[in-house]
Amino acid sequence: MTADQLETLIAEQLPCQHLSVEGDGRHWYATIVSTQFEGLRLIQRHQKVYATLGQKMHTDEVHALSMKTYTPNEWAQQA
């Protein structure tokens, strides 16, 4: 799996205002900004992202995914 493929998987099911993924093919780091995170706790946001990957987490196509998740408002405050 490449970073572009992983980005595509996430973006197909989760509308993102910003999405960046980097990693070494097994361990990935993502920054995701989405209105879908409004009102959700951190664990709920991560679960939403994991749901976009489906079985790929279970079949080890994506071994590990570390992420930072933001609402657009939170992301604007980071700048």
PDB file of N, CA and C in Angstrom:
ATOM      1  N   MET A   1       0.849  -1.177   0.000  1.00  0.00           N
ATOM      2  CA  MET A   1       0.000   0.000   0.000  1.00  0.00           C
ATOM      3  C   MET A   1       0.894   1.239   0.000  1.00  0.00           C
ATOM      4  N   THR A   2       0.477   2.230  -0.769  1.00  0.00           N
ATOM      5  CA  THR A   2       1.211   3.489  -0.813  1.00  0.00           C
ATOM      6  C   THR A   2       0.431   4.567  -0.053  1.00  0.00           C
ATOM      7  N   ALA A   3       1.091   5.671   0.216  1.00  0.00           N
ATOM      8  CA  ALA A   3       0.429   6.786   0.893  1.00  0.00           C
ATOM      9  C   ALA A   3      -0.747   7.291   0.055  1.00  0.00           C
ATOM     10  N   ASP A   4      -0.571   7.369  -1.262  1.00  0.00           N
ATOM     11  CA  ASP A   4      -1.655   7.823  -2.138  1.00  0.00           C
ATOM     12  C   ASP A   4      -2.855   6.884  -2.081  1.00  0.00           C
ATOM     13  N   GLN A   5      -2.599   5.589  -2.058  1.00  0.00           N
ATOM     14  CA  GLN A   5      -3.694   4.615  -1.978  1.00  0.00           C
ATOM     15  C   GLN A   5      -4.437   4.743  -0.654  1.00  0.00           C
ATOM     16  N   LEU A   6      -3.698   4.934   0.409  1.00  0.00           N
ATOM     17  CA  LEU A   6      -4.317   5.076   1.729  1.00  0.00           C
ATOM     18  C   LEU A   6      -5.142   6.358   1.794  1.00  0.00           C
ATOM     19  N   GLU A   7      -4.620   7.443   1.253  1.00  0.00           N
ATOM     20  CA  GLU A   7      -5.371   8.704   1.194  1.00  0.00           C
ATOM     21  C   GLU A   7      -6.663   8.519   0.421  1.00  0.00           C
ATOM     22  N   THR A   8      -6.582   7.821  -0.706  1.00  0.00           N
ATOM     23  CA  THR A   8      -7.766   7.594  -1.531  1.00  0.00           C
ATOM     24  C   THR A   8      -8.818   6.800  -0.770  1.00  0.00           C
ATOM     25  N   LEU A   9      -8.400   5.758  -0.068  1.00  0.00           N
ATOM     26  CA  LEU A   9      -9.346   4.944   0.716  1.00  0.00           C
ATOM     27  C   LEU A   9     -10.087   5.789   1.742  1.00  0.00           C
ATOM     28  N   ILE A  10      -9.365   6.634   2.426  1.00  0.00           N
ATOM     29  CA  ILE A  10      -9.986   7.469   3.456  1.00  0.00           C
ATOM     30  C   ILE A  10     -10.900   8.507   2.807  1.00  0.00           C
ATOM     31  N   ALA A  11     -10.395   9.196   1.792  1.00  0.00           N
ATOM     32  CA  ALA A  11     -11.139  10.291   1.157  1.00  0.00           C
ATOM     33  C   ALA A  11     -12.404   9.813   0.443  1.00  0.00           C
ATOM     34  N   GLU A  12     -12.426   8.568  -0.029  1.00  0.00           N
ATOM     35  CA  GLU A  12     -13.617   8.050  -0.719  1.00  0.00           C
ATOM     36  C   GLU A  12     -14.823   7.961   0.207  1.00  0.00           C
ATOM     37  N   GLN A  13     -14.584   7.774   1.500  1.00  0.00           N
ATOM     38  CA  GLN A  13     -15.696   7.569   2.431  1.00  0.00           C
ATOM     39  C   GLN A  13     -15.830   8.646   3.498  1.00  0.00           C
ATOM     40  N   LEU A  14     -14.845   9.541   3.562  1.00  0.00           N
ATOM     41  CA  LEU A  14     -14.863  10.576   4.584  1.00  0.00           C
ATOM     42  C   LEU A  14     -14.500  11.905   3.928  1.00  0.00           C
ATOM     43  N   PRO A  15     -15.474  12.807   3.811  1.00  0.00           N
ATOM     44  CA  PRO A  15     -15.160  14.100   3.194  1.00  0.00           C
ATOM     45  C   PRO A  15     -14.130  14.854   4.036  1.00  0.00           C
ATOM     46  N   CYS A  16     -13.022  15.200   3.417  1.00  0.00           N
ATOM     47  CA  CYS A  16     -11.911  15.837   4.138  1.00  0.00           C
ATOM     48  C   CYS A  16     -11.602  17.203   3.541  1.00  0.00           C
ATOM     49  N   GLN A  17     -11.397  18.169   4.414  1.00  0.00           N
ATOM     50  CA  GLN A  17     -10.943  19.474   3.972  1.00  0.00           C
ATOM     51  C   GLN A  17      -9.423  19.471   3.833  1.00  0.00           C
ATOM     52  N   HIS A  18      -8.781  18.580   4.563  1.00  0.00           N
ATOM     53  CA  HIS A  18      -7.331  18.388   4.468  1.00  0.00           C
ATOM     54  C   HIS A  18      -7.052  16.934   4.821  1.00  0.00           C
ATOM     55  N   LEU A  19      -6.144  16.326   4.070  1.00  0.00           N
ATOM     56  CA  LEU A  19      -5.760  14.943   4.334  1.00  0.00           C
ATOM     57  C   LEU A  19      -4.326  14.750   3.871  1.00  0.00           C
ATOM     58  N   SER A  20      -3.468  14.355   4.781  1.00  0.00           N
ATOM     59  CA  SER A  20      -2.101  14.017   4.398  1.00  0.00           C
ATOM     60  C   SER A  20      -1.717  12.721   5.097  1.00  0.00           C
ATOM     61  N   VAL A  21      -1.039  11.863   4.351  1.00  0.00           N
ATOM     62  CA  VAL A  21      -0.613  10.572   4.872  1.00  0.00           C
ATOM     63  C   VAL A  21       0.854  10.374   4.499  1.00  0.00           C
ATOM     64  N   GLU A  22       1.630   9.920   5.456  1.00  0.00           N
ATOM     65  CA  GLU A  22       3.012   9.553   5.179  1.00  0.00           C
ATOM     66  C   GLU A  22       3.350   8.324   5.995  1.00  0.00           C
ATOM     67  N   GLY A  23       4.358   7.616   5.548  1.00  0.00           N
ATOM     68  CA  GLY A  23       4.760   6.420   6.272  1.00  0.00           C
ATOM     69  C   GLY A  23       5.701   5.573   5.462  1.00  0.00           C
ATOM     70  N   ASP A  24       5.960   4.378   5.972  1.00  0.00           N
ATOM     71  CA  ASP A  24       6.963   3.508   5.366  1.00  0.00           C
ATOM     72  C   ASP A  24       6.374   2.266   4.702  1.00  0.00           C
ATOM     73  N   GLY A  25       5.068   2.246   4.503  1.00  0.00           N
ATOM     74  CA  GLY A  25       4.443   1.075   3.897  1.00  0.00           C
ATOM     75  C   GLY A  25       3.765   0.163   4.907  1.00  0.00           C
ATOM     76  N   ARG A  26       4.134   0.270   6.164  1.00  0.00           N
ATOM     77  CA  ARG A  26       3.484  -0.504   7.227  1.00  0.00           C
ATOM     78  C   ARG A  26       2.996   0.396   8.348  1.00  0.00           C
ATOM     79  N   HIS A  27       3.771   1.401   8.694  1.00  0.00           N
ATOM     80  CA  HIS A  27       3.419   2.334   9.757  1.00  0.00           C
ATOM     81  C   HIS A  27       3.093   3.681   9.129  1.00  0.00           C
ATOM     82  N   TRP A  28       1.867   4.135   9.366  1.00  0.00           N
ATOM     83  CA  TRP A  28       1.371   5.339   8.707  1.00  0.00           C
ATOM     84  C   TRP A  28       1.028   6.421   9.721  1.00  0.00           C
ATOM     85  N   TYR A  29       1.157   7.665   9.266  1.00  0.00           N
ATOM     86  CA  TYR A  29       0.834   8.834  10.075  1.00  0.00           C
ATOM     87  C   TYR A  29      -0.059   9.730   9.229  1.00  0.00           C
ATOM     88  N   ALA A  30      -1.242  10.040   9.729  1.00  0.00           N
ATOM     89  CA  ALA A  30      -2.201  10.825   8.956  1.00  0.00           C
ATOM     90  C   ALA A  30      -2.660  12.048   9.737  1.00  0.00           C
ATOM     91  N   THR A  31      -2.868  13.121   9.001  1.00  0.00           N
ATOM     92  CA  THR A  31      -3.522  14.309   9.530  1.00  0.00           C
ATOM     93  C   THR A  31      -4.792  14.476   8.723  1.00  0.00           C
ATOM     94  N   ILE A  32      -5.921  14.496   9.420  1.00  0.00           N
ATOM     95  CA  ILE A  32      -7.217  14.493   8.752  1.00  0.00           C
ATOM     96  C   ILE A  32      -8.090  15.604   9.325  1.00  0.00           C
ATOM     97  N   VAL A  33      -8.624  16.427   8.440  1.00  0.00           N
ATOM     98  CA  VAL A  33      -9.532  17.500   8.835  1.00  0.00           C
ATOM     99  C   VAL A  33     -10.865  17.239   8.152  1.00  0.00           C
ATOM    100  N   SER A  34     -11.930  17.123   8.945  1.00  0.00           N
ATOM    101  CA  SER A  34     -13.243  16.824   8.380  1.00  0.00           C
ATOM    102  C   SER A  34     -14.360  17.404   9.247  1.00  0.00           C
ATOM    103  N   THR A  35     -15.393  17.884   8.594  1.00  0.00           N
ATOM    104  CA  THR A  35     -16.581  18.340   9.319  1.00  0.00           C
ATOM    105  C   THR A  35     -17.272  17.159  10.004  1.00  0.00           C
ATOM    106  N   GLN A  36     -16.992  15.946   9.554  1.00  0.00           N
ATOM    107  CA  GLN A  36     -17.591  14.749  10.145  1.00  0.00           C
ATOM    108  C   GLN A  36     -17.133  14.523  11.584  1.00  0.00           C
ATOM    109  N   PHE A  37     -16.086  15.216  12.001  1.00  0.00           N
ATOM    110  CA  PHE A  37     -15.575  15.059  13.363  1.00  0.00           C
ATOM    111  C   PHE A  37     -16.253  15.991  14.371  1.00  0.00           C
ATOM    112  N   GLU A  38     -17.097  16.894  13.885  1.00  0.00           N
ATOM    113  CA  GLU A  38     -17.790  17.842  14.766  1.00  0.00           C
ATOM    114  C   GLU A  38     -18.564  17.083  15.847  1.00  0.00           C
ATOM    115  N   GLY A  39     -18.326  17.444  17.098  1.00  0.00           N
ATOM    116  CA  GLY A  39     -19.068  16.861  18.212  1.00  0.00           C
ATOM    117  C   GLY A  39     -18.628  15.468  18.629  1.00  0.00           C
ATOM    118  N   LEU A  40     -17.584  14.924  18.005  1.00  0.00           N
ATOM    119  CA  LEU A  40     -17.130  13.579  18.339  1.00  0.00           C
ATOM    120  C   LEU A  40     -15.908  13.629  19.254  1.00  0.00           C
ATOM    121  N   ARG A  41     -15.839  12.659  20.158  1.00  0.00           N
ATOM    122  CA  ARG A  41     -14.640  12.502  20.985  1.00  0.00           C
ATOM    123  C   ARG A  41     -13.529  11.913  20.116  1.00  0.00           C
ATOM    124  N   LEU A  42     -12.307  11.992  20.597  1.00  0.00           N
ATOM    125  CA  LEU A  42     -11.148  11.528  19.846  1.00  0.00           C
ATOM    126  C   LEU A  42     -11.300  10.073  19.402  1.00  0.00           C
ATOM    127  N   ILE A  43     -11.710   9.205  20.294  1.00  0.00           N
ATOM    128  CA  ILE A  43     -11.851   7.789  19.952  1.00  0.00           C
ATOM    129  C   ILE A  43     -12.906   7.593  18.856  1.00  0.00           C
ATOM    130  N   GLN A  44     -13.974   8.366  18.899  1.00  0.00           N
ATOM    131  CA  GLN A  44     -15.011   8.263  17.880  1.00  0.00           C
ATOM    132  C   GLN A  44     -14.488   8.728  16.517  1.00  0.00           C
ATOM    133  N   ARG A  45     -13.656   9.741  16.517  1.00  0.00           N
ATOM    134  CA  ARG A  45     -13.054  10.220  15.275  1.00  0.00           C
ATOM    135  C   ARG A  45     -12.168   9.135  14.675  1.00  0.00           C
ATOM    136  N   HIS A  46     -11.352   8.525  15.519  1.00  0.00           N
ATOM    137  CA  HIS A  46     -10.460   7.466  15.041  1.00  0.00           C
ATOM    138  C   HIS A  46     -11.258   6.276  14.519  1.00  0.00           C
ATOM    139  N   GLN A  47     -12.320   5.923  15.212  1.00  0.00           N
ATOM    140  CA  GLN A  47     -13.167   4.817  14.759  1.00  0.00           C
ATOM    141  C   GLN A  47     -13.764   5.121  13.389  1.00  0.00           C
ATOM    142  N   LYS A  48     -14.141   6.366  13.167  1.00  0.00           N
ATOM    143  CA  LYS A  48     -14.701   6.771  11.884  1.00  0.00           C
ATOM    144  C   LYS A  48     -13.666   6.580  10.770  1.00  0.00           C
ATOM    145  N   VAL A  49     -12.425   6.939  11.056  1.00  0.00           N
ATOM    146  CA  VAL A  49     -11.357   6.760  10.061  1.00  0.00           C
ATOM    147  C   VAL A  49     -11.079   5.271   9.849  1.00  0.00           C
ATOM    148  N   TYR A  50     -10.973   4.513  10.929  1.00  0.00           N
ATOM    149  CA  TYR A  50     -10.728   3.071  10.802  1.00  0.00           C
ATOM    150  C   TYR A  50     -11.824   2.400   9.977  1.00  0.00           C
ATOM    151  N   ALA A  51     -13.048   2.865  10.113  1.00  0.00           N
ATOM    152  CA  ALA A  51     -14.163   2.283   9.355  1.00  0.00           C
ATOM    153  C   ALA A  51     -13.959   2.456   7.851  1.00  0.00           C
ATOM    154  N   THR A  52     -13.264   3.514   7.435  1.00  0.00           N
ATOM    155  CA  THR A  52     -13.024   3.715   6.004  1.00  0.00           C
ATOM    156  C   THR A  52     -12.045   2.684   5.451  1.00  0.00           C
ATOM    157  N   LEU A  53     -11.258   2.072   6.330  1.00  0.00           N
ATOM    158  CA  LEU A  53     -10.255   1.103   5.883  1.00  0.00           C
ATOM    159  C   LEU A  53     -10.776  -0.322   5.871  1.00  0.00           C
ATOM    160  N   GLY A  54     -11.912  -0.541   6.527  1.00  0.00           N
ATOM    161  CA  GLY A  54     -12.541  -1.862   6.520  1.00  0.00           C
ATOM    162  C   GLY A  54     -11.576  -2.970   6.920  1.00  0.00           C
ATOM    163  N   GLN A  55     -11.544  -4.027   6.126  1.00  0.00           N
ATOM    164  CA  GLN A  55     -10.748  -5.217   6.430  1.00  0.00           C
ATOM    165  C   GLN A  55      -9.248  -4.995   6.274  1.00  0.00           C
ATOM    166  N   LYS A  56      -8.845  -3.898   5.682  1.00  0.00           N
ATOM    167  CA  LYS A  56      -7.421  -3.668   5.450  1.00  0.00           C
ATOM    168  C   LYS A  56      -6.637  -3.593   6.765  1.00  0.00           C
ATOM    169  N   MET A  57      -7.286  -3.189   7.841  1.00  0.00           N
ATOM    170  CA  MET A  57      -6.638  -3.186   9.157  1.00  0.00           C
ATOM    171  C   MET A  57      -6.508  -4.614   9.689  1.00  0.00           C
ATOM    172  N   HIS A  58      -7.466  -5.458   9.348  1.00  0.00           N
ATOM    173  CA  HIS A  58      -7.482  -6.826   9.864  1.00  0.00           C
ATOM    174  C   HIS A  58      -6.605  -7.764   9.051  1.00  0.00           C
ATOM    175  N   THR A  59      -6.400  -7.446   7.780  1.00  0.00           N
ATOM    176  CA  THR A  59      -5.588  -8.309   6.919  1.00  0.00           C
ATOM    177  C   THR A  59      -4.143  -7.845   6.873  1.00  0.00           C
ATOM    178  N   ASP A  60      -3.811  -6.825   7.649  1.00  0.00           N
ATOM    179  CA  ASP A  60      -2.451  -6.300   7.773  1.00  0.00           C
ATOM    180  C   ASP A  60      -1.983  -5.521   6.551  1.00  0.00           C
ATOM    181  N   GLU A  61      -2.904  -5.175   5.643  1.00  0.00           N
ATOM    182  CA  GLU A  61      -2.524  -4.288   4.537  1.00  0.00           C
ATOM    183  C   GLU A  61      -2.132  -2.925   5.101  1.00  0.00           C
ATOM    184  N   VAL A  62      -2.803  -2.537   6.179  1.00  0.00           N
ATOM    185  CA  VAL A  62      -2.441  -1.334   6.930  1.00  0.00           C
ATOM    186  C   VAL A  62      -2.110  -1.822   8.335  1.00  0.00           C
ATOM    187  N   HIS A  63      -0.831  -1.921   8.624  1.00  0.00           N
ATOM    188  CA  HIS A  63      -0.410  -2.502   9.901  1.00  0.00           C
ATOM    189  C   HIS A  63      -0.685  -1.560  11.071  1.00  0.00           C
ATOM    190  N   ALA A  64      -0.328  -0.283  10.909  1.00  0.00           N
ATOM    191  CA  ALA A  64      -0.516   0.673  12.005  1.00  0.00           C
ATOM    192  C   ALA A  64      -0.811   2.048  11.423  1.00  0.00           C
ATOM    193  N   LEU A  65      -1.778   2.720  12.012  1.00  0.00           N
ATOM    194  CA  LEU A  65      -2.142   4.064  11.565  1.00  0.00           C
ATOM    195  C   LEU A  65      -2.252   4.977  12.781  1.00  0.00           C
ATOM    196  N   SER A  66      -1.348   5.914  12.859  1.00  0.00           N
ATOM    197  CA  SER A  66      -1.392   6.942  13.891  1.00  0.00           C
ATOM    198  C   SER A  66      -1.990   8.178  13.231  1.00  0.00           C
ATOM    199  N   MET A  67      -2.887   8.862  13.920  1.00  0.00           N
ATOM    200  CA  MET A  67      -3.533   9.995  13.258  1.00  0.00           C
ATOM    201  C   MET A  67      -3.806  11.143  14.204  1.00  0.00           C
ATOM    202  N   LYS A  68      -3.868  12.311  13.594  1.00  0.00           N
ATOM    203  CA  LYS A  68      -4.339  13.516  14.255  1.00  0.00           C
ATOM    204  C   LYS A  68      -5.593  13.920  13.499  1.00  0.00           C
ATOM    205  N   THR A  69      -6.671  14.092  14.233  1.00  0.00           N
ATOM    206  CA  THR A  69      -7.952  14.412  13.609  1.00  0.00           C
ATOM    207  C   THR A  69      -8.444  15.755  14.127  1.00  0.00           C
ATOM    208  N   TYR A  70      -8.908  16.580  13.195  1.00  0.00           N
ATOM    209  CA  TYR A  70      -9.362  17.928  13.537  1.00  0.00           C
ATOM    210  C   TYR A  70     -10.661  18.260  12.824  1.00  0.00           C
ATOM    211  N   THR A  71     -11.459  19.092  13.459  1.00  0.00           N
ATOM    212  CA  THR A  71     -12.562  19.740  12.748  1.00  0.00           C
ATOM    213  C   THR A  71     -11.933  20.908  11.982  1.00  0.00           C
ATOM    214  N   PRO A  72     -12.614  21.467  10.985  1.00  0.00           N
ATOM    215  CA  PRO A  72     -12.050  22.622  10.282  1.00  0.00           C
ATOM    216  C   PRO A  72     -11.722  23.792  11.220  1.00  0.00           C
ATOM    217  N   ASN A  73     -12.554  24.002  12.220  1.00  0.00           N
ATOM    218  CA  ASN A  73     -12.319  25.081  13.185  1.00  0.00           C
ATOM    219  C   ASN A  73     -11.041  24.819  13.996  1.00  0.00           C
ATOM    220  N   GLU A  74     -10.873  23.585  14.454  1.00  0.00           N
ATOM    221  CA  GLU A  74      -9.679  23.225  15.206  1.00  0.00           C
ATOM    222  C   GLU A  74      -8.430  23.355  14.340  1.00  0.00           C
ATOM    223  N   TRP A  75      -8.558  22.980  13.080  1.00  0.00           N
ATOM    224  CA  TRP A  75      -7.435  23.036  12.147  1.00  0.00           C
ATOM    225  C   TRP A  75      -7.017  24.491  11.911  1.00  0.00           C
ATOM    226  N   ALA A  76      -8.000  25.360  11.778  1.00  0.00           N
ATOM    227  CA  ALA A  76      -7.719  26.788  11.569  1.00  0.00           C
ATOM    228  C   ALA A  76      -6.968  27.362  12.769  1.00  0.00           C
ATOM    229  N   GLN A  77      -7.269  26.880  13.950  1.00  0.00           N
ATOM    230  CA  GLN A  77      -6.602  27.353  15.157  1.00  0.00           C
ATOM    231  C   GLN A  77      -5.154  26.857  15.242  1.00  0.00           C
ATOM    232  N   GLN A  78      -4.844  25.759  14.542  1.00  0.00           N
ATOM    233  CA  GLN A  78      -3.487  25.230  14.515  1.00  0.00           C
ATOM    234  C   GLN A  78      -2.545  26.118  13.706  1.00  0.00           C
ATOM    235  N   ALA A  79      -3.109  26.830  12.734  1.00  0.00           N
ATOM    236  CA  ALA A  79      -2.278  27.632  11.820  1.00  0.00           C
ATOM    237  C   ALA A  79      -1.704  28.854  12.493  1.00  0.00           C
TER     238      ALA A  79
END
